[in-house]
Amino acid sequence: MLYENELFLLCALVYVAFALHAALGFGGNIMTLAWGAVLLPPEQLVTALLPVNVFVNAYFFARY
């Protein structure tokens, strides 16, 4: 169970990682899993990040 400040930190980490993913074109999941493993088990992170990754990649596909 995450506390409010841990949830905010996780959201900030996901935002930064996927902003870097948008700028670089790769690495959003790797960075999020590496940084987020401090707060949650990787299994929970992967299931939560899969829809975000699909959305970001679909946006890139539609844009380019």
N, C-alpha and C. Protein backbone atom coordinates (compact mmCIF):
# COMPACT_ATOMS: atom_id res chain seq x y z
N MET A 1 0.84 -1.18 0.00
CA MET A 1 0.00 0.00 0.00
C MET A 1 0.88 1.24 0.00
N LEU A 2 0.62 2.13 -0.90
CA LEU A 2 1.38 3.36 -0.99
C LEU A 2 0.72 4.47 -0.18
N TYR A 3 1.53 5.25 0.48
CA TYR A 3 1.03 6.43 1.16
C TYR A 3 0.93 7.57 0.15
N GLU A 4 0.31 8.65 0.56
CA GLU A 4 0.06 9.75 -0.36
C GLU A 4 1.35 10.33 -0.94
N ASN A 5 2.36 10.53 -0.11
CA ASN A 5 3.61 11.10 -0.63
C ASN A 5 4.35 10.13 -1.53
N GLU A 6 4.26 8.82 -1.27
CA GLU A 6 4.89 7.83 -2.13
C GLU A 6 4.18 7.75 -3.48
N LEU A 7 2.87 7.87 -3.46
CA LEU A 7 2.10 7.86 -4.71
C LEU A 7 2.46 9.09 -5.55
N PHE A 8 2.59 10.24 -4.92
CA PHE A 8 3.00 11.44 -5.64
C PHE A 8 4.39 11.27 -6.23
N LEU A 9 5.30 10.69 -5.48
CA LEU A 9 6.66 10.45 -5.98
C LEU A 9 6.64 9.49 -7.16
N LEU A 10 5.85 8.44 -7.08
CA LEU A 10 5.75 7.48 -8.18
C LEU A 10 5.18 8.16 -9.43
N CYS A 11 4.17 8.98 -9.26
CA CYS A 11 3.59 9.70 -10.40
C CYS A 11 4.62 10.64 -11.02
N ALA A 12 5.41 11.30 -10.21
CA ALA A 12 6.45 12.18 -10.72
C ALA A 12 7.51 11.39 -11.48
N LEU A 13 7.89 10.23 -10.96
CA LEU A 13 8.87 9.39 -11.64
C LEU A 13 8.35 8.91 -13.00
N VAL A 14 7.09 8.51 -13.04
CA VAL A 14 6.49 8.06 -14.30
C VAL A 14 6.44 9.21 -15.29
N TYR A 15 6.07 10.39 -14.82
CA TYR A 15 6.01 11.55 -15.70
C TYR A 15 7.38 11.88 -16.29
N VAL A 16 8.39 11.91 -15.45
CA VAL A 16 9.75 12.22 -15.94
C VAL A 16 10.25 11.15 -16.90
N ALA A 17 10.02 9.90 -16.55
CA ALA A 17 10.50 8.81 -17.40
C ALA A 17 9.83 8.83 -18.77
N PHE A 18 8.53 9.06 -18.81
CA PHE A 18 7.86 9.07 -20.10
C PHE A 18 8.08 10.37 -20.86
N ALA A 19 8.41 11.46 -20.17
CA ALA A 19 8.83 12.67 -20.87
C ALA A 19 10.17 12.43 -21.57
N LEU A 20 11.07 11.73 -20.89
CA LEU A 20 12.34 11.36 -21.52
C LEU A 20 12.10 10.37 -22.66
N HIS A 21 11.14 9.48 -22.49
CA HIS A 21 10.79 8.54 -23.56
C HIS A 21 10.29 9.31 -24.78
N ALA A 22 9.49 10.33 -24.56
CA ALA A 22 8.98 11.12 -25.68
C ALA A 22 10.11 11.89 -26.36
N ALA A 23 11.08 12.35 -25.59
CA ALA A 23 12.18 13.11 -26.17
C ALA A 23 13.19 12.21 -26.88
N LEU A 24 13.49 11.08 -26.28
CA LEU A 24 14.52 10.20 -26.83
C LEU A 24 13.97 9.12 -27.75
N GLY A 25 12.72 8.72 -27.53
CA GLY A 25 12.12 7.68 -28.35
C GLY A 25 12.23 6.29 -27.77
N PHE A 26 12.86 6.14 -26.64
CA PHE A 26 12.98 4.83 -26.01
C PHE A 26 13.29 5.02 -24.53
N GLY A 27 13.14 3.96 -23.76
CA GLY A 27 13.63 3.94 -22.40
C GLY A 27 12.65 4.32 -21.31
N GLY A 28 11.40 4.63 -21.64
CA GLY A 28 10.45 5.03 -20.61
C GLY A 28 10.18 3.93 -19.60
N ASN A 29 9.97 2.73 -20.09
CA ASN A 29 9.71 1.61 -19.18
C ASN A 29 10.93 1.25 -18.35
N ILE A 30 12.09 1.28 -18.96
CA ILE A 30 13.32 0.92 -18.25
C ILE A 30 13.57 1.89 -17.10
N MET A 31 13.45 3.18 -17.40
CA MET A 31 13.68 4.18 -16.36
C MET A 31 12.63 4.10 -15.26
N THR A 32 11.37 3.90 -15.64
CA THR A 32 10.32 3.81 -14.64
C THR A 32 10.50 2.59 -13.76
N LEU A 33 10.83 1.47 -14.35
CA LEU A 33 11.04 0.25 -13.55
C LEU A 33 12.25 0.38 -12.65
N ALA A 34 13.31 0.98 -13.15
CA ALA A 34 14.52 1.13 -12.33
C ALA A 34 14.27 2.06 -11.15
N TRP A 35 13.61 3.18 -11.40
CA TRP A 35 13.36 4.14 -10.32
C TRP A 35 12.19 3.71 -9.44
N GLY A 36 11.16 3.12 -10.04
CA GLY A 36 9.96 2.76 -9.29
C GLY A 36 10.09 1.50 -8.47
N ALA A 37 11.11 0.69 -8.73
CA ALA A 37 11.30 -0.54 -7.96
C ALA A 37 11.60 -0.26 -6.49
N VAL A 38 11.96 0.96 -6.20
CA VAL A 38 12.18 1.35 -4.81
C VAL A 38 10.85 1.39 -4.05
N LEU A 39 9.77 1.74 -4.75
CA LEU A 39 8.48 1.93 -4.11
C LEU A 39 7.55 0.72 -4.22
N LEU A 40 7.57 0.05 -5.37
CA LEU A 40 6.66 -1.06 -5.64
C LEU A 40 7.42 -2.23 -6.25
N PRO A 41 6.89 -3.44 -6.10
CA PRO A 41 7.48 -4.58 -6.81
C PRO A 41 7.34 -4.40 -8.33
N PRO A 42 8.32 -4.87 -9.08
CA PRO A 42 8.27 -4.69 -10.54
C PRO A 42 7.03 -5.28 -11.20
N GLU A 43 6.48 -6.35 -10.64
CA GLU A 43 5.28 -6.95 -11.23
C GLU A 43 4.11 -5.98 -11.23
N GLN A 44 3.95 -5.22 -10.16
CA GLN A 44 2.87 -4.25 -10.09
C GLN A 44 3.14 -3.07 -11.02
N LEU A 45 4.38 -2.68 -11.13
CA LEU A 45 4.71 -1.57 -12.01
C LEU A 45 4.46 -1.91 -13.48
N VAL A 46 4.82 -3.10 -13.89
CA VAL A 46 4.65 -3.49 -15.29
C VAL A 46 3.17 -3.48 -15.66
N THR A 47 2.33 -4.01 -14.81
CA THR A 47 0.90 -4.05 -15.13
C THR A 47 0.29 -2.65 -15.13
N ALA A 48 0.81 -1.74 -14.35
CA ALA A 48 0.29 -0.38 -14.33
C ALA A 48 0.82 0.45 -15.50
N LEU A 49 2.02 0.15 -15.96
CA LEU A 49 2.64 0.96 -17.00
C LEU A 49 2.33 0.50 -18.41
N LEU A 50 1.82 -0.68 -18.58
CA LEU A 50 1.53 -1.18 -19.91
C LEU A 50 0.55 -0.29 -20.67
N PRO A 51 -0.58 0.14 -20.08
CA PRO A 51 -1.48 1.03 -20.83
C PRO A 51 -0.84 2.37 -21.18
N VAL A 52 -0.01 2.91 -20.30
CA VAL A 52 0.68 4.17 -20.59
C VAL A 52 1.62 4.00 -21.78
N ASN A 53 2.34 2.91 -21.79
CA ASN A 53 3.28 2.65 -22.88
C ASN A 53 2.54 2.46 -24.20
N VAL A 54 1.43 1.77 -24.20
CA VAL A 54 0.65 1.57 -25.42
C VAL A 54 0.14 2.91 -25.94
N PHE A 55 -0.33 3.77 -25.05
CA PHE A 55 -0.83 5.08 -25.46
C PHE A 55 0.28 5.95 -26.06
N VAL A 56 1.43 6.00 -25.41
CA VAL A 56 2.54 6.82 -25.91
C VAL A 56 3.02 6.31 -27.27
N ASN A 57 3.16 5.01 -27.41
CA ASN A 57 3.62 4.46 -28.69
C ASN A 57 2.57 4.61 -29.79
N ALA A 58 1.29 4.52 -29.45
CA ALA A 58 0.24 4.75 -30.44
C ALA A 58 0.26 6.21 -30.90
N TYR A 59 0.52 7.13 -29.99
CA TYR A 59 0.64 8.54 -30.36
C TYR A 59 1.81 8.75 -31.32
N PHE A 60 2.96 8.14 -31.02
CA PHE A 60 4.12 8.26 -31.91
C PHE A 60 3.81 7.67 -33.28
N PHE A 61 3.15 6.54 -33.29
CA PHE A 61 2.81 5.89 -34.56
C PHE A 61 1.87 6.77 -35.39
N ALA A 62 0.88 7.35 -34.75
CA ALA A 62 -0.08 8.19 -35.47
C ALA A 62 0.55 9.50 -35.93
N ARG A 63 1.46 10.01 -35.14
CA ARG A 63 2.09 11.30 -35.48
C ARG A 63 3.11 11.15 -36.60
N TYR A 64 3.86 10.08 -36.60
CA TYR A 64 4.91 9.92 -37.61
C TYR A 64 4.54 8.82 -38.56
